[in-house]
Amino acid sequence: MAETTPKVRHLRWDDLEQERLNPRMTRRMISGERAMIAHVYLDRGAVVPMHSHENEQLTYVISGALRFWIRDEDSEPIDVRAGEVLVLPSYVPHKAVALEDTLDVDIFTPPRQDWIDGTDAYLRAGGD
């Protein structure tokens, strides 16, 4: 019986096509078997509507700033700026608004199947 070895891949962000989600948001993503990483590009004012998912999420802001509301829109907002990370456990509802043009790196485990198959309608609805 042949043994299957996972394929090692070496990728460059600049070689990956940006997927347009809505007029204010694009992304590039790379998925492995048990984790996913994405560059998410948000124009100032872009909105990620309140949602939750089974995936644990780490959001690392590279440039710009995001304002998050956790659990509900009446919660005290958390501003995450360049060089800062927000850790979101599984199933915790959250919403975000880009306070500036922003690049963030999102890491998910397990990978977001809705992002992979394009069924993430909450991101494609308009972005503002």
N, C-alpha and C. Protein backbone atom coordinates (compact mmCIF):
# COMPACT_ATOMS: atom_id res chain seq x y z
N MET A 1 0.85 -1.18 0.00
CA MET A 1 0.00 0.00 0.00
C MET A 1 0.89 1.24 0.00
N ALA A 2 0.63 2.15 -0.92
CA ALA A 2 1.43 3.38 -1.04
C ALA A 2 1.09 4.34 0.09
N GLU A 3 2.11 4.92 0.66
CA GLU A 3 1.92 5.91 1.72
C GLU A 3 1.76 7.29 1.08
N THR A 4 0.81 8.07 1.59
CA THR A 4 0.58 9.40 1.03
C THR A 4 1.29 10.43 1.89
N THR A 5 2.13 11.21 1.26
CA THR A 5 2.85 12.27 1.95
C THR A 5 2.20 13.60 1.58
N PRO A 6 1.84 14.42 2.60
CA PRO A 6 1.27 15.73 2.27
C PRO A 6 2.23 16.52 1.39
N LYS A 7 1.65 17.27 0.46
CA LYS A 7 2.44 18.07 -0.48
C LYS A 7 2.92 19.34 0.21
N VAL A 8 4.21 19.60 0.11
CA VAL A 8 4.79 20.84 0.60
C VAL A 8 4.65 21.89 -0.49
N ARG A 9 4.16 23.07 -0.11
CA ARG A 9 3.99 24.16 -1.07
C ARG A 9 4.75 25.38 -0.59
N HIS A 10 5.35 26.12 -1.51
CA HIS A 10 6.03 27.38 -1.23
C HIS A 10 5.33 28.45 -2.06
N LEU A 11 4.74 29.43 -1.39
CA LEU A 11 3.90 30.41 -2.08
C LEU A 11 4.34 31.83 -1.74
N ARG A 12 4.07 32.76 -2.66
CA ARG A 12 4.30 34.18 -2.45
C ARG A 12 2.95 34.89 -2.50
N TRP A 13 2.68 35.75 -1.51
CA TRP A 13 1.40 36.47 -1.49
C TRP A 13 1.18 37.21 -2.80
N ASP A 14 2.20 37.87 -3.31
CA ASP A 14 2.04 38.68 -4.52
C ASP A 14 1.70 37.84 -5.76
N ASP A 15 1.94 36.53 -5.70
CA ASP A 15 1.60 35.66 -6.83
C ASP A 15 0.15 35.16 -6.77
N LEU A 16 -0.52 35.39 -5.66
CA LEU A 16 -1.90 34.91 -5.49
C LEU A 16 -2.87 35.98 -5.95
N GLU A 17 -3.89 35.57 -6.65
CA GLU A 17 -4.91 36.50 -7.12
C GLU A 17 -5.74 37.02 -5.94
N GLN A 18 -6.07 38.32 -5.99
CA GLN A 18 -6.95 38.89 -4.98
C GLN A 18 -8.39 38.62 -5.38
N GLU A 19 -9.14 38.07 -4.46
CA GLU A 19 -10.57 37.80 -4.67
C GLU A 19 -11.37 39.01 -4.20
N ARG A 20 -12.17 39.60 -5.09
CA ARG A 20 -13.02 40.73 -4.73
C ARG A 20 -14.27 40.19 -4.05
N LEU A 21 -14.48 40.58 -2.79
CA LEU A 21 -15.65 40.13 -2.03
C LEU A 21 -16.80 41.10 -2.16
N ASN A 22 -16.49 42.38 -2.17
CA ASN A 22 -17.48 43.45 -2.31
C ASN A 22 -16.70 44.70 -2.70
N PRO A 23 -17.35 45.83 -2.93
CA PRO A 23 -16.62 47.01 -3.40
C PRO A 23 -15.52 47.51 -2.46
N ARG A 24 -15.56 47.11 -1.18
CA ARG A 24 -14.59 47.63 -0.21
C ARG A 24 -13.66 46.57 0.38
N MET A 25 -13.71 45.34 -0.14
CA MET A 25 -12.93 44.28 0.50
C MET A 25 -12.45 43.24 -0.51
N THR A 26 -11.16 42.90 -0.40
CA THR A 26 -10.59 41.81 -1.18
C THR A 26 -9.78 40.93 -0.25
N ARG A 27 -9.41 39.73 -0.74
CA ARG A 27 -8.57 38.85 0.08
C ARG A 27 -7.76 37.92 -0.80
N ARG A 28 -6.71 37.41 -0.20
CA ARG A 28 -5.91 36.31 -0.73
C ARG A 28 -5.85 35.28 0.39
N MET A 29 -5.91 34.01 0.04
CA MET A 29 -5.88 33.01 1.12
C MET A 29 -5.12 31.77 0.70
N ILE A 30 -4.59 31.10 1.72
CA ILE A 30 -3.87 29.86 1.57
C ILE A 30 -4.41 28.91 2.62
N SER A 31 -4.76 27.70 2.19
CA SER A 31 -5.31 26.74 3.13
C SER A 31 -4.48 25.46 3.12
N GLY A 32 -4.19 24.99 4.32
CA GLY A 32 -3.60 23.67 4.49
C GLY A 32 -4.69 22.71 4.91
N GLU A 33 -4.31 21.56 5.42
CA GLU A 33 -5.31 20.59 5.85
C GLU A 33 -6.01 21.01 7.14
N ARG A 34 -5.27 21.66 8.07
CA ARG A 34 -5.84 21.95 9.38
C ARG A 34 -5.77 23.42 9.78
N ALA A 35 -5.28 24.27 8.90
CA ALA A 35 -5.21 25.71 9.20
C ALA A 35 -5.31 26.49 7.90
N MET A 36 -5.70 27.76 8.03
CA MET A 36 -5.84 28.65 6.88
C MET A 36 -5.28 30.01 7.29
N ILE A 37 -4.65 30.69 6.33
CA ILE A 37 -4.17 32.05 6.54
C ILE A 37 -4.67 32.89 5.37
N ALA A 38 -5.05 34.13 5.68
CA ALA A 38 -5.57 35.01 4.63
C ALA A 38 -5.06 36.43 4.84
N HIS A 39 -4.78 37.11 3.75
CA HIS A 39 -4.60 38.56 3.76
C HIS A 39 -5.95 39.14 3.40
N VAL A 40 -6.47 40.01 4.25
CA VAL A 40 -7.75 40.67 3.99
C VAL A 40 -7.48 42.17 3.86
N TYR A 41 -7.89 42.73 2.73
CA TYR A 41 -7.67 44.14 2.42
C TYR A 41 -9.02 44.85 2.53
N LEU A 42 -9.12 45.80 3.46
CA LEU A 42 -10.37 46.51 3.70
C LEU A 42 -10.16 48.00 3.48
N ASP A 43 -11.02 48.60 2.67
CA ASP A 43 -11.01 50.05 2.53
C ASP A 43 -11.63 50.67 3.77
N ARG A 44 -11.22 51.88 4.08
CA ARG A 44 -11.81 52.59 5.22
C ARG A 44 -13.34 52.56 5.11
N GLY A 45 -14.01 52.21 6.20
CA GLY A 45 -15.46 52.14 6.22
C GLY A 45 -16.03 50.77 5.89
N ALA A 46 -15.20 49.84 5.42
CA ALA A 46 -15.69 48.49 5.12
C ALA A 46 -16.22 47.84 6.39
N VAL A 47 -17.31 47.10 6.24
CA VAL A 47 -17.96 46.45 7.38
C VAL A 47 -17.93 44.93 7.19
N VAL A 48 -17.51 44.25 8.23
CA VAL A 48 -17.67 42.79 8.31
C VAL A 48 -18.84 42.58 9.27
N PRO A 49 -20.01 42.17 8.77
CA PRO A 49 -21.20 42.07 9.62
C PRO A 49 -21.03 41.08 10.76
N MET A 50 -21.86 41.23 11.77
CA MET A 50 -21.85 40.31 12.92
C MET A 50 -22.03 38.89 12.41
N HIS A 51 -21.16 38.00 12.85
CA HIS A 51 -21.21 36.59 12.46
C HIS A 51 -20.41 35.78 13.48
N SER A 52 -20.52 34.48 13.40
CA SER A 52 -19.70 33.59 14.21
C SER A 52 -19.43 32.33 13.39
N HIS A 53 -18.46 31.55 13.85
CA HIS A 53 -18.08 30.33 13.13
C HIS A 53 -17.37 29.39 14.10
N GLU A 54 -17.32 28.14 13.71
CA GLU A 54 -16.68 27.13 14.55
C GLU A 54 -15.18 27.34 14.66
N ASN A 55 -14.59 28.08 13.74
CA ASN A 55 -13.15 28.20 13.63
C ASN A 55 -12.59 29.17 14.66
N GLU A 56 -11.51 28.78 15.32
CA GLU A 56 -10.77 29.73 16.12
C GLU A 56 -10.10 30.70 15.16
N GLN A 57 -10.04 31.99 15.51
CA GLN A 57 -9.52 33.01 14.60
C GLN A 57 -8.51 33.88 15.33
N LEU A 58 -7.40 34.14 14.67
CA LEU A 58 -6.44 35.13 15.11
C LEU A 58 -6.39 36.19 14.03
N THR A 59 -6.62 37.45 14.40
CA THR A 59 -6.56 38.56 13.46
C THR A 59 -5.39 39.45 13.85
N TYR A 60 -4.41 39.56 12.93
CA TYR A 60 -3.20 40.35 13.13
C TYR A 60 -3.26 41.51 12.15
N VAL A 61 -3.37 42.73 12.67
CA VAL A 61 -3.44 43.90 11.81
C VAL A 61 -2.02 44.32 11.42
N ILE A 62 -1.75 44.29 10.12
CA ILE A 62 -0.45 44.67 9.58
C ILE A 62 -0.36 46.18 9.41
N SER A 63 -1.42 46.77 8.84
CA SER A 63 -1.49 48.23 8.67
C SER A 63 -2.94 48.64 8.79
N GLY A 64 -3.15 49.88 9.27
CA GLY A 64 -4.51 50.36 9.43
C GLY A 64 -5.05 50.03 10.81
N ALA A 65 -6.38 49.93 10.90
CA ALA A 65 -7.03 49.67 12.19
C ALA A 65 -8.44 49.12 11.96
N LEU A 66 -8.83 48.20 12.82
CA LEU A 66 -10.17 47.62 12.79
C LEU A 66 -10.83 47.83 14.15
N ARG A 67 -12.10 48.16 14.13
CA ARG A 67 -12.90 48.25 15.35
C ARG A 67 -13.80 47.03 15.41
N PHE A 68 -13.71 46.26 16.50
CA PHE A 68 -14.49 45.05 16.68
C PHE A 68 -15.54 45.23 17.77
N TRP A 69 -16.69 44.61 17.56
CA TRP A 69 -17.70 44.44 18.58
C TRP A 69 -17.82 42.94 18.82
N ILE A 70 -17.76 42.54 20.07
CA ILE A 70 -17.76 41.13 20.44
C ILE A 70 -19.10 40.78 21.10
N ARG A 71 -19.70 39.73 20.65
CA ARG A 71 -20.96 39.15 21.13
C ARG A 71 -22.20 39.92 20.67
N ASP A 72 -22.19 41.27 20.73
CA ASP A 72 -23.32 42.04 20.19
C ASP A 72 -22.87 43.46 19.88
N GLU A 73 -23.66 44.16 19.11
CA GLU A 73 -23.28 45.49 18.65
C GLU A 73 -23.36 46.55 19.74
N ASP A 74 -23.91 46.20 20.91
CA ASP A 74 -23.97 47.14 22.03
C ASP A 74 -22.78 46.98 22.96
N SER A 75 -21.87 46.06 22.65
CA SER A 75 -20.70 45.84 23.49
C SER A 75 -19.70 46.98 23.33
N GLU A 76 -18.81 47.11 24.29
CA GLU A 76 -17.72 48.09 24.21
C GLU A 76 -16.80 47.68 23.06
N PRO A 77 -16.56 48.57 22.08
CA PRO A 77 -15.72 48.18 20.95
C PRO A 77 -14.25 48.01 21.35
N ILE A 78 -13.56 47.18 20.60
CA ILE A 78 -12.12 46.96 20.77
C ILE A 78 -11.46 47.41 19.47
N ASP A 79 -10.56 48.38 19.56
CA ASP A 79 -9.82 48.83 18.39
C ASP A 79 -8.51 48.05 18.31
N VAL A 80 -8.26 47.45 17.15
CA VAL A 80 -7.05 46.66 16.92
C VAL A 80 -6.26 47.39 15.84
N ARG A 81 -5.05 47.82 16.21
CA ARG A 81 -4.23 48.64 15.32
C ARG A 81 -3.01 47.86 14.83
N ALA A 82 -2.28 48.44 13.89
CA ALA A 82 -1.09 47.79 13.32
C ALA A 82 -0.19 47.26 14.44
N GLY A 83 0.21 46.00 14.29
CA GLY A 83 1.07 45.35 15.27
C GLY A 83 0.32 44.66 16.38
N GLU A 84 -1.00 44.70 16.35
CA GLU A 84 -1.81 44.08 17.41
C GLU A 84 -2.58 42.88 16.88
N VAL A 85 -2.92 41.97 17.78
CA VAL A 85 -3.61 40.73 17.44
C VAL A 85 -4.85 40.59 18.31
N LEU A 86 -5.95 40.15 17.70
CA LEU A 86 -7.17 39.81 18.43
C LEU A 86 -7.38 38.31 18.29
N VAL A 87 -7.57 37.62 19.41
CA VAL A 87 -7.81 36.18 19.41
C VAL A 87 -9.30 35.96 19.66
N LEU A 88 -9.96 35.31 18.70
CA LEU A 88 -11.40 35.05 18.79
C LEU A 88 -11.63 33.55 18.93
N PRO A 89 -12.13 33.09 20.08
CA PRO A 89 -12.43 31.67 20.23
C PRO A 89 -13.58 31.24 19.30
N SER A 90 -13.71 29.96 19.13
CA SER A 90 -14.80 29.40 18.31
C SER A 90 -16.15 29.90 18.79
N TYR A 91 -17.04 30.14 17.83
CA TYR A 91 -18.45 30.48 18.05
C TYR A 91 -18.70 31.82 18.75
N VAL A 92 -17.71 32.68 18.89
CA VAL A 92 -17.93 33.99 19.51
C VAL A 92 -18.37 34.96 18.42
N PRO A 93 -19.59 35.50 18.51
CA PRO A 93 -20.05 36.46 17.51
C PRO A 93 -19.18 37.72 17.52
N HIS A 94 -18.91 38.26 16.32
CA HIS A 94 -18.10 39.46 16.20
C HIS A 94 -18.43 40.21 14.92
N LYS A 95 -18.18 41.51 14.98
CA LYS A 95 -18.38 42.42 13.85
C LYS A 95 -17.16 43.32 13.80
N ALA A 96 -16.80 43.79 12.59
CA ALA A 96 -15.66 44.69 12.48
C ALA A 96 -15.94 45.79 11.45
N VAL A 97 -15.33 46.95 11.68
CA VAL A 97 -15.38 48.06 10.74
C VAL A 97 -13.95 48.57 10.58
N ALA A 98 -13.54 48.82 9.34
CA ALA A 98 -12.21 49.36 9.08
C ALA A 98 -12.20 50.86 9.38
N LEU A 99 -11.39 51.26 10.35
CA LEU A 99 -11.27 52.68 10.71
C LEU A 99 -10.38 53.42 9.72
N GLU A 100 -9.53 52.67 9.02
CA GLU A 100 -8.62 53.19 8.00
C GLU A 100 -8.51 52.12 6.93
N ASP A 101 -7.87 52.44 5.81
CA ASP A 101 -7.52 51.38 4.86
C ASP A 101 -6.65 50.40 5.64
N THR A 102 -6.98 49.11 5.57
CA THR A 102 -6.37 48.13 6.47
C THR A 102 -5.98 46.86 5.73
N LEU A 103 -4.84 46.30 6.14
CA LEU A 103 -4.44 44.95 5.76
C LEU A 103 -4.35 44.15 7.04
N ASP A 104 -5.12 43.08 7.11
CA ASP A 104 -4.98 42.19 8.25
C ASP A 104 -4.70 40.77 7.78
N VAL A 105 -4.06 40.02 8.65
CA VAL A 105 -3.81 38.61 8.42
C VAL A 105 -4.73 37.85 9.34
N ASP A 106 -5.61 37.03 8.76
CA ASP A 106 -6.50 36.18 9.55
C ASP A 106 -6.00 34.75 9.47
N ILE A 107 -5.91 34.11 10.62
CA ILE A 107 -5.52 32.71 10.72
C ILE A 107 -6.70 31.96 11.33
N PHE A 108 -7.09 30.87 10.69
CA PHE A 108 -8.23 30.07 11.14
C PHE A 108 -7.82 28.62 11.31
N THR A 109 -8.36 28.00 12.34
CA THR A 109 -8.25 26.56 12.47
C THR A 109 -9.58 26.04 13.01
N PRO A 110 -10.18 25.05 12.36
CA PRO A 110 -9.81 24.51 11.06
C PRO A 110 -10.05 25.56 9.96
N PRO A 111 -9.64 25.25 8.71
CA PRO A 111 -9.87 26.18 7.60
C PRO A 111 -11.36 26.53 7.46
N ARG A 112 -11.65 27.74 6.99
CA ARG A 112 -13.03 28.20 6.77
C ARG A 112 -13.55 27.60 5.47
N GLN A 113 -14.38 26.59 5.57
CA GLN A 113 -14.94 25.95 4.37
C GLN A 113 -15.79 26.93 3.56
N ASP A 114 -16.51 27.84 4.26
CA ASP A 114 -17.33 28.82 3.53
C ASP A 114 -16.46 29.78 2.71
N TRP A 115 -15.26 30.07 3.16
CA TRP A 115 -14.35 30.90 2.37
C TRP A 115 -13.81 30.12 1.18
N ILE A 116 -13.52 28.86 1.39
CA ILE A 116 -12.97 28.02 0.32
C ILE A 116 -13.99 27.82 -0.80
N ASP A 117 -15.25 27.55 -0.44
CA ASP A 117 -16.25 27.25 -1.47
C ASP A 117 -17.09 28.46 -1.89
N GLY A 118 -16.81 29.65 -1.32
CA GLY A 118 -17.48 30.87 -1.76
C GLY A 118 -18.89 31.06 -1.23
N THR A 119 -19.25 30.35 -0.14
CA THR A 119 -20.59 30.50 0.43
C THR A 119 -20.62 31.50 1.59
N ASP A 120 -19.64 32.38 1.66
CA ASP A 120 -19.53 33.39 2.73
C ASP A 120 -20.31 34.65 2.35
N ALA A 121 -21.61 34.49 2.17
CA ALA A 121 -22.48 35.57 1.68
C ALA A 121 -22.43 36.81 2.58
N TYR A 122 -22.19 36.64 3.89
CA TYR A 122 -22.15 37.79 4.79
C TYR A 122 -21.05 38.79 4.39
N LEU A 123 -19.98 38.33 3.74
CA LEU A 123 -18.91 39.23 3.29
C LEU A 123 -19.19 39.80 1.90
N ARG A 124 -20.02 39.14 1.15
CA ARG A 124 -20.24 39.54 -0.24
C ARG A 124 -21.41 40.49 -0.40
N ALA A 125 -22.08 40.83 0.67
CA ALA A 125 -23.32 41.59 0.62
C ALA A 125 -23.15 43.07 0.31
N GLY A 126 -21.95 43.61 0.43
CA GLY A 126 -21.81 45.03 0.12
C GLY A 126 -20.64 45.69 0.79
N GLY A 127 -20.30 45.26 1.99
CA GLY A 127 -19.12 45.78 2.65
C GLY A 127 -19.27 47.10 3.37
N ASP A 128 -20.50 47.67 3.36
CA ASP A 128 -20.68 48.91 4.12
C ASP A 128 -22.11 49.02 4.62
